[in-house]
Amino acid sequence: MNINLPDKSYYKIGEVSRAFDVNPSLIRFWEKEFEIINPKKGARGSRLFTKKDIKNLQLVYNLVKEKGYTLEGAKTRLQNSNGKVANHHEVIITLEGVKQELLKIKNQLK
């Protein structure tokens, strides 16, 4: 899944939920369920997600929504992987970006 967010330091939960096309309540739920999702809290308690949080959300989204893992299965996979799942997911994201660029070039050549 390719997430299109502007380049900035912090993202509000509304921006994140729209980027993932899920309800904000699901983001809050995943925050409680997965230790790797740990947004900062603003003065009024609003969640502020960093780029690292976005990458971790992408990882959880991939396991749960795209690969069909249960929440417990996704937690187990993340705990037993020693970072391999995250590295694998980053490679996939990079390759998807390269694919998109190549498709743009192909369309320009037509």
C-alpha atoms as a PDB file:
ATOM      1  CA  MET A   1       0.000   0.000   0.000  1.00  0.00           C
ATOM      2  CA  ASN A   2       1.349   3.365  -1.012  1.00  0.00           C
ATOM      3  CA  ILE A   3       0.568   6.126   1.477  1.00  0.00           C
ATOM      4  CA  ASN A   4       0.477   9.683   0.168  1.00  0.00           C
ATOM      5  CA  LEU A   5       1.124  12.138   2.969  1.00  0.00           C
ATOM      6  CA  PRO A   6       2.831  15.528   2.770  1.00  0.00           C
ATOM      7  CA  ASP A   7       6.395  15.721   4.027  1.00  0.00           C
ATOM      8  CA  LYS A   8       6.205  17.043   7.578  1.00  0.00           C
ATOM      9  CA  SER A   9       7.255  16.067  11.092  1.00  0.00           C
ATOM     10  CA  TYR A  10       3.871  15.212  12.613  1.00  0.00           C
ATOM     11  CA  TYR A  11       0.530  14.032  11.264  1.00  0.00           C
ATOM     12  CA  LYS A  12      -2.856  14.255  12.954  1.00  0.00           C
ATOM     13  CA  ILE A  13      -4.989  11.148  13.280  1.00  0.00           C
ATOM     14  CA  GLY A  14      -7.474  12.436  10.700  1.00  0.00           C
ATOM     15  CA  GLU A  15      -4.745  12.748   8.077  1.00  0.00           C
ATOM     16  CA  VAL A  16      -3.444   9.298   8.903  1.00  0.00           C
ATOM     17  CA  SER A  17      -6.864   7.650   8.818  1.00  0.00           C
ATOM     18  CA  ARG A  18      -7.652   9.241   5.435  1.00  0.00           C
ATOM     19  CA  ALA A  19      -4.286   8.109   4.039  1.00  0.00           C
ATOM     20  CA  PHE A  20      -4.991   4.519   5.119  1.00  0.00           C
ATOM     21  CA  ASP A  21      -8.702   4.796   4.230  1.00  0.00           C
ATOM     22  CA  VAL A  22      -9.775   3.553   7.663  1.00  0.00           C
ATOM     23  CA  ASN A  23     -11.686   5.074  10.561  1.00  0.00           C
ATOM     24  CA  PRO A  24      -9.709   6.968  13.224  1.00  0.00           C
ATOM     25  CA  SER A  25     -11.100   4.513  15.767  1.00  0.00           C
ATOM     26  CA  LEU A  26      -9.204   1.682  14.053  1.00  0.00           C
ATOM     27  CA  ILE A  27      -5.951   3.654  14.313  1.00  0.00           C
ATOM     28  CA  ARG A  28      -6.623   4.249  18.026  1.00  0.00           C
ATOM     29  CA  PHE A  29      -7.433   0.551  18.492  1.00  0.00           C
ATOM     30  CA  TRP A  30      -4.213  -0.555  16.781  1.00  0.00           C
ATOM     31  CA  GLU A  31      -2.327   1.915  18.972  1.00  0.00           C
ATOM     32  CA  LYS A  32      -3.601   0.069  22.044  1.00  0.00           C
ATOM     33  CA  GLU A  33      -2.969  -3.382  20.580  1.00  0.00           C
ATOM     34  CA  PHE A  34       0.502  -2.931  19.052  1.00  0.00           C
ATOM     35  CA  GLU A  35       3.434  -1.588  21.060  1.00  0.00           C
ATOM     36  CA  ILE A  36       5.236  -0.397  17.929  1.00  0.00           C
ATOM     37  CA  ILE A  37       2.565   2.267  17.342  1.00  0.00           C
ATOM     38  CA  ASN A  38       3.293   4.983  19.852  1.00  0.00           C
ATOM     39  CA  PRO A  39       2.254   8.479  18.721  1.00  0.00           C
ATOM     40  CA  LYS A  40       3.103  11.526  20.767  1.00  0.00           C
ATOM     41  CA  LYS A  41       0.258  13.300  22.542  1.00  0.00           C
ATOM     42  CA  GLY A  42      -0.281  17.029  22.117  1.00  0.00           C
ATOM     43  CA  ALA A  43      -1.186  19.419  24.929  1.00  0.00           C
ATOM     44  CA  ARG A  44      -4.876  18.652  24.459  1.00  0.00           C
ATOM     45  CA  GLY A  45      -4.355  14.911  24.137  1.00  0.00           C
ATOM     46  CA  SER A  46      -4.442  14.826  20.338  1.00  0.00           C
ATOM     47  CA  ARG A  47      -2.311  12.171  18.714  1.00  0.00           C
ATOM     48  CA  LEU A  48       0.658  13.280  16.634  1.00  0.00           C
ATOM     49  CA  PHE A  49       2.142  10.571  14.434  1.00  0.00           C
ATOM     50  CA  THR A  50       5.753  10.651  13.257  1.00  0.00           C
ATOM     51  CA  LYS A  51       7.094   9.121  10.043  1.00  0.00           C
ATOM     52  CA  LYS A  52       8.244   6.135  12.104  1.00  0.00           C
ATOM     53  CA  ASP A  53       4.684   5.687  13.414  1.00  0.00           C
ATOM     54  CA  ILE A  54       3.395   5.815   9.830  1.00  0.00           C
ATOM     55  CA  LYS A  55       5.846   3.081   8.786  1.00  0.00           C
ATOM     56  CA  ASN A  56       4.761   0.961  11.746  1.00  0.00           C
ATOM     57  CA  LEU A  57       1.106   1.520  10.843  1.00  0.00           C
ATOM     58  CA  GLN A  58       1.871   0.437   7.291  1.00  0.00           C
ATOM     59  CA  LEU A  59       3.434  -2.721   8.661  1.00  0.00           C
ATOM     60  CA  VAL A  60       0.401  -3.510  10.829  1.00  0.00           C
ATOM     61  CA  TYR A  61      -1.976  -2.620   7.976  1.00  0.00           C
ATOM     62  CA  ASN A  62      -0.073  -4.956   5.642  1.00  0.00           C
ATOM     63  CA  LEU A  63      -0.214  -7.861   8.066  1.00  0.00           C
ATOM     64  CA  VAL A  64      -3.826  -7.421   9.177  1.00  0.00           C
ATOM     65  CA  LYS A  65      -5.646  -5.977   6.168  1.00  0.00           C
ATOM     66  CA  GLU A  66      -3.635  -7.233   3.208  1.00  0.00           C
ATOM     67  CA  LYS A  67      -2.240 -10.567   4.402  1.00  0.00           C
ATOM     68  CA  GLY A  68      -5.226 -11.449   6.598  1.00  0.00           C
ATOM     69  CA  TYR A  69      -3.426 -12.057   9.880  1.00  0.00           C
ATOM     70  CA  THR A  70      -5.468 -12.006  13.067  1.00  0.00           C
ATOM     71  CA  LEU A  71      -4.402  -9.422  15.625  1.00  0.00           C
ATOM     72  CA  GLU A  72      -2.761 -12.113  17.740  1.00  0.00           C
ATOM     73  CA  GLY A  73      -1.073 -13.589  14.675  1.00  0.00           C
ATOM     74  CA  ALA A  74       0.256 -10.174  13.641  1.00  0.00           C
ATOM     75  CA  LYS A  75       1.567  -9.530  17.164  1.00  0.00           C
ATOM     76  CA  THR A  76       3.297 -12.902  17.207  1.00  0.00           C
ATOM     77  CA  ARG A  77       4.770 -12.329  13.752  1.00  0.00           C
ATOM     78  CA  LEU A  78       6.158  -8.946  14.797  1.00  0.00           C
ATOM     79  CA  GLN A  79       7.591 -10.270  18.081  1.00  0.00           C
ATOM     80  CA  ASN A  80       9.281 -13.307  16.538  1.00  0.00           C
ATOM     81  CA  SER A  81      10.725 -11.608  13.464  1.00  0.00           C
ATOM     82  CA  ASN A  82      13.611  -9.663  15.056  1.00  0.00           C
ATOM     83  CA  GLY A  83      12.946  -6.807  12.624  1.00  0.00           C
ATOM     84  CA  LYS A  84      12.883  -8.984   9.500  1.00  0.00           C
ATOM     85  CA  VAL A  85       9.207  -8.240   8.822  1.00  0.00           C
ATOM     86  CA  ALA A  86       9.831  -4.495   9.021  1.00  0.00           C
ATOM     87  CA  ASN A  87      12.853  -4.726   6.711  1.00  0.00           C
ATOM     88  CA  HIS A  88      10.941  -6.897   4.255  1.00  0.00           C
ATOM     89  CA  HIS A  89       8.044  -4.453   4.280  1.00  0.00           C
ATOM     90  CA  GLU A  90      10.362  -1.476   3.658  1.00  0.00           C
ATOM     91  CA  VAL A  91      11.840  -3.263   0.638  1.00  0.00           C
ATOM     92  CA  ILE A  92       8.336  -3.867  -0.723  1.00  0.00           C
ATOM     93  CA  ILE A  93       7.398  -0.199  -0.260  1.00  0.00           C
ATOM     94  CA  THR A  94      10.590   0.888  -2.045  1.00  0.00           C
ATOM     95  CA  LEU A  95       9.945  -1.496  -4.921  1.00  0.00           C
ATOM     96  CA  GLU A  96       6.358  -0.262  -5.255  1.00  0.00           C
ATOM     97  CA  GLY A  97       7.700   3.296  -5.519  1.00  0.00           C
ATOM     98  CA  VAL A  98      10.166   2.231  -8.215  1.00  0.00           C
ATOM     99  CA  LYS A  99       7.352   0.481 -10.067  1.00  0.00           C
ATOM    100  CA  GLN A 100       5.214   3.639  -9.989  1.00  0.00           C
ATOM    101  CA  GLU A 101       8.096   5.724 -11.362  1.00  0.00           C
ATOM    102  CA  LEU A 102       8.730   3.205 -14.134  1.00  0.00           C
ATOM    103  CA  LEU A 103       5.041   3.227 -15.067  1.00  0.00           C
ATOM    104  CA  LYS A 104       5.128   7.036 -15.275  1.00  0.00           C
ATOM    105  CA  ILE A 105       8.135   6.868 -17.588  1.00  0.00           C
ATOM    106  CA  LYS A 106       6.440   4.206 -19.697  1.00  0.00           C
ATOM    107  CA  ASN A 107       3.319   6.363 -20.055  1.00  0.00           C
ATOM    108  CA  GLN A 108       5.431   9.381 -21.047  1.00  0.00           C
ATOM    109  CA  LEU A 109       7.143   7.352 -23.762  1.00  0.00           C
ATOM    110  CA  LYS A 110       3.827   6.359 -25.371  1.00  0.00           C
END
